[in-house]
């Protein structure tokens, strides 16, 4: 990509992050909080994904 396109894309990314910040801040403050059971389930799922990807890498 030429430099002008990289600059425009970078500016667009900054603009989108700037526009999403108030909604994300509100959601973090007022959104639902996870229980320890929710986090345990999340950890098991992510561990399963990691194991699956490692198995796929071993097969290649």
PDB file of N, CA and C in Angstrom:
ATOM      1  N   UNK A   1       0.841  -1.184   0.000  1.00  0.00           N
ATOM      2  CA  UNK A   1       0.000   0.000   0.000  1.00  0.00           C
ATOM      3  C   UNK A   1       0.883   1.243   0.000  1.00  0.00           C
ATOM      4  N   UNK A   2       0.396   2.248  -0.632  1.00  0.00           N
ATOM      5  CA  UNK A   2       1.176   3.475  -0.607  1.00  0.00           C
ATOM      6  C   UNK A   2       0.955   4.217   0.705  1.00  0.00           C
ATOM      7  N   UNK A   3       1.825   5.116   0.997  1.00  0.00           N
ATOM      8  CA  UNK A   3       1.850   5.770   2.304  1.00  0.00           C
ATOM      9  C   UNK A   3       0.564   6.542   2.600  1.00  0.00           C
ATOM     10  N   UNK A   4      -0.010   7.197   1.609  1.00  0.00           N
ATOM     11  CA  UNK A   4      -1.240   7.966   1.825  1.00  0.00           C
ATOM     12  C   UNK A   4      -2.389   7.088   2.293  1.00  0.00           C
ATOM     13  N   UNK A   5      -2.503   5.895   1.697  1.00  0.00           N
ATOM     14  CA  UNK A   5      -3.555   4.969   2.087  1.00  0.00           C
ATOM     15  C   UNK A   5      -3.341   4.470   3.514  1.00  0.00           C
ATOM     16  N   UNK A   6      -2.093   4.221   3.887  1.00  0.00           N
ATOM     17  CA  UNK A   6      -1.791   3.792   5.248  1.00  0.00           C
ATOM     18  C   UNK A   6      -2.172   4.873   6.260  1.00  0.00           C
ATOM     19  N   UNK A   7      -1.903   6.117   5.931  1.00  0.00           N
ATOM     20  CA  UNK A   7      -2.229   7.228   6.821  1.00  0.00           C
ATOM     21  C   UNK A   7      -3.739   7.359   6.975  1.00  0.00           C
ATOM     22  N   UNK A   8      -4.470   7.263   5.859  1.00  0.00           N
ATOM     23  CA  UNK A   8      -5.934   7.366   5.916  1.00  0.00           C
ATOM     24  C   UNK A   8      -6.518   6.221   6.733  1.00  0.00           C
ATOM     25  N   UNK A   9      -6.045   4.998   6.535  1.00  0.00           N
ATOM     26  CA  UNK A   9      -6.544   3.860   7.296  1.00  0.00           C
ATOM     27  C   UNK A   9      -6.234   4.009   8.792  1.00  0.00           C
ATOM     28  N   UNK A  10      -5.059   4.502   9.122  1.00  0.00           N
ATOM     29  CA  UNK A  10      -4.709   4.743  10.518  1.00  0.00           C
ATOM     30  C   UNK A  10      -5.611   5.793  11.149  1.00  0.00           C
ATOM     31  N   UNK A  11      -5.907   6.847  10.403  1.00  0.00           N
ATOM     32  CA  UNK A  11      -6.794   7.890  10.920  1.00  0.00           C
ATOM     33  C   UNK A  11      -8.209   7.345  11.124  1.00  0.00           C
ATOM     34  N   UNK A  12      -8.663   6.486  10.209  1.00  0.00           N
ATOM     35  CA  UNK A  12      -9.988   5.886  10.356  1.00  0.00           C
ATOM     36  C   UNK A  12     -10.048   4.990  11.590  1.00  0.00           C
ATOM     37  N   UNK A  13      -8.998   4.220  11.829  1.00  0.00           N
ATOM     38  CA  UNK A  13      -8.967   3.352  13.005  1.00  0.00           C
ATOM     39  C   UNK A  13      -9.008   4.184  14.285  1.00  0.00           C
ATOM     40  N   UNK A  14      -8.256   5.257  14.342  1.00  0.00           N
ATOM     41  CA  UNK A  14      -8.287   6.139  15.513  1.00  0.00           C
ATOM     42  C   UNK A  14      -9.661   6.766  15.701  1.00  0.00           C
ATOM     43  N   UNK A  15     -10.289   7.167  14.612  1.00  0.00           N
ATOM     44  CA  UNK A  15     -11.626   7.762  14.687  1.00  0.00           C
ATOM     45  C   UNK A  15     -12.629   6.752  15.247  1.00  0.00           C
ATOM     46  N   UNK A  16     -12.588   5.508  14.753  1.00  0.00           N
ATOM     47  CA  UNK A  16     -13.524   4.493  15.228  1.00  0.00           C
ATOM     48  C   UNK A  16     -13.292   4.181  16.703  1.00  0.00           C
ATOM     49  N   UNK A  17     -12.033   4.097  17.115  1.00  0.00           N
ATOM     50  CA  UNK A  17     -11.742   3.842  18.527  1.00  0.00           C
ATOM     51  C   UNK A  17     -12.246   5.005  19.385  1.00  0.00           C
ATOM     52  N   UNK A  18     -12.067   6.223  18.914  1.00  0.00           N
ATOM     53  CA  UNK A  18     -12.527   7.411  19.637  1.00  0.00           C
ATOM     54  C   UNK A  18     -14.048   7.419  19.763  1.00  0.00           C
ATOM     55  N   UNK A  19     -14.762   7.002  18.692  1.00  0.00           N
ATOM     56  CA  UNK A  19     -16.221   6.973  18.704  1.00  0.00           C
ATOM     57  C   UNK A  19     -16.771   5.860  19.597  1.00  0.00           C
ATOM     58  N   UNK A  20     -16.058   4.738  19.713  1.00  0.00           N
ATOM     59  CA  UNK A  20     -16.555   3.622  20.511  1.00  0.00           C
ATOM     60  C   UNK A  20     -16.233   3.754  21.998  1.00  0.00           C
ATOM     61  N   UNK A  21     -15.304   4.612  22.363  1.00  0.00           N
ATOM     62  CA  UNK A  21     -14.849   4.706  23.742  1.00  0.00           C
ATOM     63  C   UNK A  21     -15.975   5.000  24.737  1.00  0.00           C
ATOM     64  N   UNK A  22     -16.880   5.978  24.503  1.00  0.00           N
ATOM     65  CA  UNK A  22     -17.939   6.244  25.499  1.00  0.00           C
ATOM     66  C   UNK A  22     -18.861   5.036  25.721  1.00  0.00           C
ATOM     67  N   UNK A  23     -19.225   4.326  24.663  1.00  0.00           N
ATOM     68  CA  UNK A  23     -20.096   3.159  24.811  1.00  0.00           C
ATOM     69  C   UNK A  23     -19.382   2.042  25.565  1.00  0.00           C
ATOM     70  N   UNK A  24     -18.107   1.832  25.272  1.00  0.00           N
ATOM     71  CA  UNK A  24     -17.345   0.797  25.970  1.00  0.00           C
ATOM     72  C   UNK A  24     -17.185   1.150  27.447  1.00  0.00           C
ATOM     73  N   UNK A  25     -16.937   2.414  27.748  1.00  0.00           N
ATOM     74  CA  UNK A  25     -16.786   2.851  29.136  1.00  0.00           C
ATOM     75  C   UNK A  25     -18.086   2.634  29.907  1.00  0.00           C
ATOM     76  N   UNK A  26     -19.211   2.966  29.290  1.00  0.00           N
ATOM     77  CA  UNK A  26     -20.507   2.765  29.936  1.00  0.00           C
ATOM     78  C   UNK A  26     -20.771   1.279  30.158  1.00  0.00           C
ATOM     79  N   UNK A  27     -20.453   0.447  29.180  1.00  0.00           N
ATOM     80  CA  UNK A  27     -20.697  -0.983  29.309  1.00  0.00           C
ATOM     81  C   UNK A  27     -19.834  -1.593  30.416  1.00  0.00           C
ATOM     82  N   UNK A  28     -18.582  -1.174  30.516  1.00  0.00           N
ATOM     83  CA  UNK A  28     -17.724  -1.684  31.582  1.00  0.00           C
ATOM     84  C   UNK A  28     -18.263  -1.305  32.961  1.00  0.00           C
ATOM     85  N   UNK A  29     -18.800  -0.097  33.076  1.00  0.00           N
ATOM     86  CA  UNK A  29     -19.290   0.371  34.368  1.00  0.00           C
ATOM     87  C   UNK A  29     -20.636  -0.262  34.731  1.00  0.00           C
ATOM     88  N   UNK A  30     -21.554  -0.374  33.765  1.00  0.00           N
ATOM     89  CA  UNK A  30     -22.922  -0.794  34.050  1.00  0.00           C
ATOM     90  C   UNK A  30     -23.268  -2.175  33.517  1.00  0.00           C
ATOM     91  N   UNK A  31     -22.361  -2.839  32.852  1.00  0.00           N
ATOM     92  CA  UNK A  31     -22.649  -4.142  32.271  1.00  0.00           C
ATOM     93  C   UNK A  31     -22.672  -5.258  33.300  1.00  0.00           C
ATOM     94  N   UNK A  32     -23.109  -6.439  32.879  1.00  0.00           N
ATOM     95  CA  UNK A  32     -23.152  -7.562  33.821  1.00  0.00           C
ATOM     96  C   UNK A  32     -21.747  -8.020  34.200  1.00  0.00           C
ATOM     97  N   UNK A  33     -21.617  -8.448  35.433  1.00  0.00           N
ATOM     98  CA  UNK A  33     -20.324  -8.939  35.930  1.00  0.00           C
ATOM     99  C   UNK A  33     -20.337 -10.458  35.892  1.00  0.00           C
ATOM    100  N   UNK A  34     -19.213 -11.049  35.562  1.00  0.00           N
ATOM    101  CA  UNK A  34     -19.116 -12.496  35.495  1.00  0.00           C
ATOM    102  C   UNK A  34     -18.908 -13.113  36.874  1.00  0.00           C
ATOM    103  N   UNK A  35     -19.531 -14.264  37.072  1.00  0.00           N
ATOM    104  CA  UNK A  35     -19.321 -14.999  38.315  1.00  0.00           C
ATOM    105  C   UNK A  35     -18.098 -15.896  38.146  1.00  0.00           C
ATOM    106  N   UNK A  36     -17.657 -16.519  39.228  1.00  0.00           N
ATOM    107  CA  UNK A  36     -16.498 -17.412  39.130  1.00  0.00           C
ATOM    108  C   UNK A  36     -16.809 -18.604  38.235  1.00  0.00           C
ATOM    109  N   UNK A  37     -18.067 -19.042  38.222  1.00  0.00           N
ATOM    110  CA  UNK A  37     -18.453 -20.142  37.344  1.00  0.00           C
ATOM    111  C   UNK A  37     -18.348 -19.725  35.872  1.00  0.00           C
ATOM    112  N   UNK A  38     -18.735 -18.496  35.564  1.00  0.00           N
ATOM    113  CA  UNK A  38     -18.611 -17.993  34.190  1.00  0.00           C
ATOM    114  C   UNK A  38     -17.152 -17.972  33.749  1.00  0.00           C
ATOM    115  N   UNK A  39     -16.270 -17.496  34.622  1.00  0.00           N
ATOM    116  CA  UNK A  39     -14.857 -17.418  34.283  1.00  0.00           C
ATOM    117  C   UNK A  39     -14.231 -18.804  34.150  1.00  0.00           C
ATOM    118  N   UNK A  40     -14.686 -19.769  34.958  1.00  0.00           N
ATOM    119  CA  UNK A  40     -14.181 -21.136  34.851  1.00  0.00           C
ATOM    120  C   UNK A  40     -14.577 -21.731  33.499  1.00  0.00           C
ATOM    121  N   UNK A  41     -15.818 -21.505  33.089  1.00  0.00           N
ATOM    122  CA  UNK A  41     -16.282 -21.990  31.793  1.00  0.00           C
ATOM    123  C   UNK A  41     -15.485 -21.349  30.666  1.00  0.00           C
ATOM    124  N   UNK A  42     -15.244 -20.052  30.774  1.00  0.00           N
ATOM    125  CA  UNK A  42     -14.453 -19.345  29.769  1.00  0.00           C
ATOM    126  C   UNK A  42     -13.044 -19.925  29.679  1.00  0.00           C
ATOM    127  N   UNK A  43     -12.436 -20.162  30.814  1.00  0.00           N
ATOM    128  CA  UNK A  43     -11.083 -20.723  30.827  1.00  0.00           C
ATOM    129  C   UNK A  43     -11.030 -22.106  30.213  1.00  0.00           C
ATOM    130  N   UNK A  44     -12.018 -22.941  30.513  1.00  0.00           N
ATOM    131  CA  UNK A  44     -12.056 -24.276  29.919  1.00  0.00           C
ATOM    132  C   UNK A  44     -12.243 -24.218  28.401  1.00  0.00           C
ATOM    133  N   UNK A  45     -13.110 -23.334  27.950  1.00  0.00           N
ATOM    134  CA  UNK A  45     -13.318 -23.195  26.506  1.00  0.00           C
ATOM    135  C   UNK A  45     -12.056 -22.704  25.796  1.00  0.00           C
ATOM    136  N   UNK A  46     -11.393 -21.705  26.365  1.00  0.00           N
ATOM    137  CA  UNK A  46     -10.172 -21.192  25.748  1.00  0.00           C
ATOM    138  C   UNK A  46      -9.067 -22.245  25.777  1.00  0.00           C
ATOM    139  N   UNK A  47      -8.991 -23.011  26.859  1.00  0.00           N
ATOM    140  CA  UNK A  47      -8.028 -24.109  26.923  1.00  0.00           C
ATOM    141  C   UNK A  47      -8.305 -25.142  25.852  1.00  0.00           C
ATOM    142  N   UNK A  48      -9.582 -25.446  25.627  1.00  0.00           N
ATOM    143  CA  UNK A  48      -9.954 -26.382  24.569  1.00  0.00           C
ATOM    144  C   UNK A  48      -9.558 -25.874  23.192  1.00  0.00           C
ATOM    145  N   UNK A  49      -9.729 -24.591  22.963  1.00  0.00           N
ATOM    146  CA  UNK A  49      -9.335 -24.004  21.678  1.00  0.00           C
ATOM    147  C   UNK A  49      -7.825 -24.113  21.489  1.00  0.00           C
ATOM    148  N   UNK A  50      -7.060 -23.830  22.536  1.00  0.00           N
ATOM    149  CA  UNK A  50      -5.602 -23.908  22.454  1.00  0.00           C
ATOM    150  C   UNK A  50      -5.168 -25.347  22.162  1.00  0.00           C
ATOM    151  N   UNK A  51      -5.770 -26.302  22.851  1.00  0.00           N
ATOM    152  CA  UNK A  51      -5.422 -27.713  22.623  1.00  0.00           C
ATOM    153  C   UNK A  51      -5.779 -28.109  21.193  1.00  0.00           C
ATOM    154  N   UNK A  52      -6.940 -27.680  20.706  1.00  0.00           N
ATOM    155  CA  UNK A  52      -7.346 -27.996  19.339  1.00  0.00           C
ATOM    156  C   UNK A  52      -6.369 -27.424  18.319  1.00  0.00           C
ATOM    157  N   UNK A  53      -5.946 -26.173  18.508  1.00  0.00           N
ATOM    158  CA  UNK A  53      -5.007 -25.566  17.584  1.00  0.00           C
ATOM    159  C   UNK A  53      -3.659 -26.286  17.634  1.00  0.00           C
ATOM    160  N   UNK A  54      -3.205 -26.677  18.823  1.00  0.00           N
ATOM    161  CA  UNK A  54      -1.950 -27.419  18.932  1.00  0.00           C
ATOM    162  C   UNK A  54      -2.047 -28.767  18.216  1.00  0.00           C
ATOM    163  N   UNK A  55      -3.177 -29.437  18.333  1.00  0.00           N
ATOM    164  CA  UNK A  55      -3.363 -30.704  17.627  1.00  0.00           C
ATOM    165  C   UNK A  55      -3.313 -30.484  16.115  1.00  0.00           C
ATOM    166  N   UNK A  56      -3.965 -29.441  15.656  1.00  0.00           N
ATOM    167  CA  UNK A  56      -3.940 -29.135  14.220  1.00  0.00           C
ATOM    168  C   UNK A  56      -2.516 -28.840  13.746  1.00  0.00           C
ATOM    169  N   UNK A  57      -1.741 -28.120  14.567  1.00  0.00           N
ATOM    170  CA  UNK A  57      -0.363 -27.797  14.189  1.00  0.00           C
ATOM    171  C   UNK A  57       0.503 -29.054  14.142  1.00  0.00           C
ATOM    172  N   UNK A  58       0.256 -30.003  15.037  1.00  0.00           N
ATOM    173  CA  UNK A  58       1.023 -31.255  15.032  1.00  0.00           C
ATOM    174  C   UNK A  58       0.720 -32.116  13.814  1.00  0.00           C
ATOM    175  N   UNK A  59      -0.507 -31.986  13.289  1.00  0.00           N
ATOM    176  CA  UNK A  59      -0.913 -32.791  12.152  1.00  0.00           C
ATOM    177  C   UNK A  59      -0.281 -32.335  10.847  1.00  0.00           C
ATOM    178  N   UNK A  60       0.203 -31.118  10.809  1.00  0.00           N
ATOM    179  CA  UNK A  60       0.766 -30.565   9.557  1.00  0.00           C
ATOM    180  C   UNK A  60       2.215 -30.950   9.431  1.00  0.00           C
TER     181      UNK A  60
END
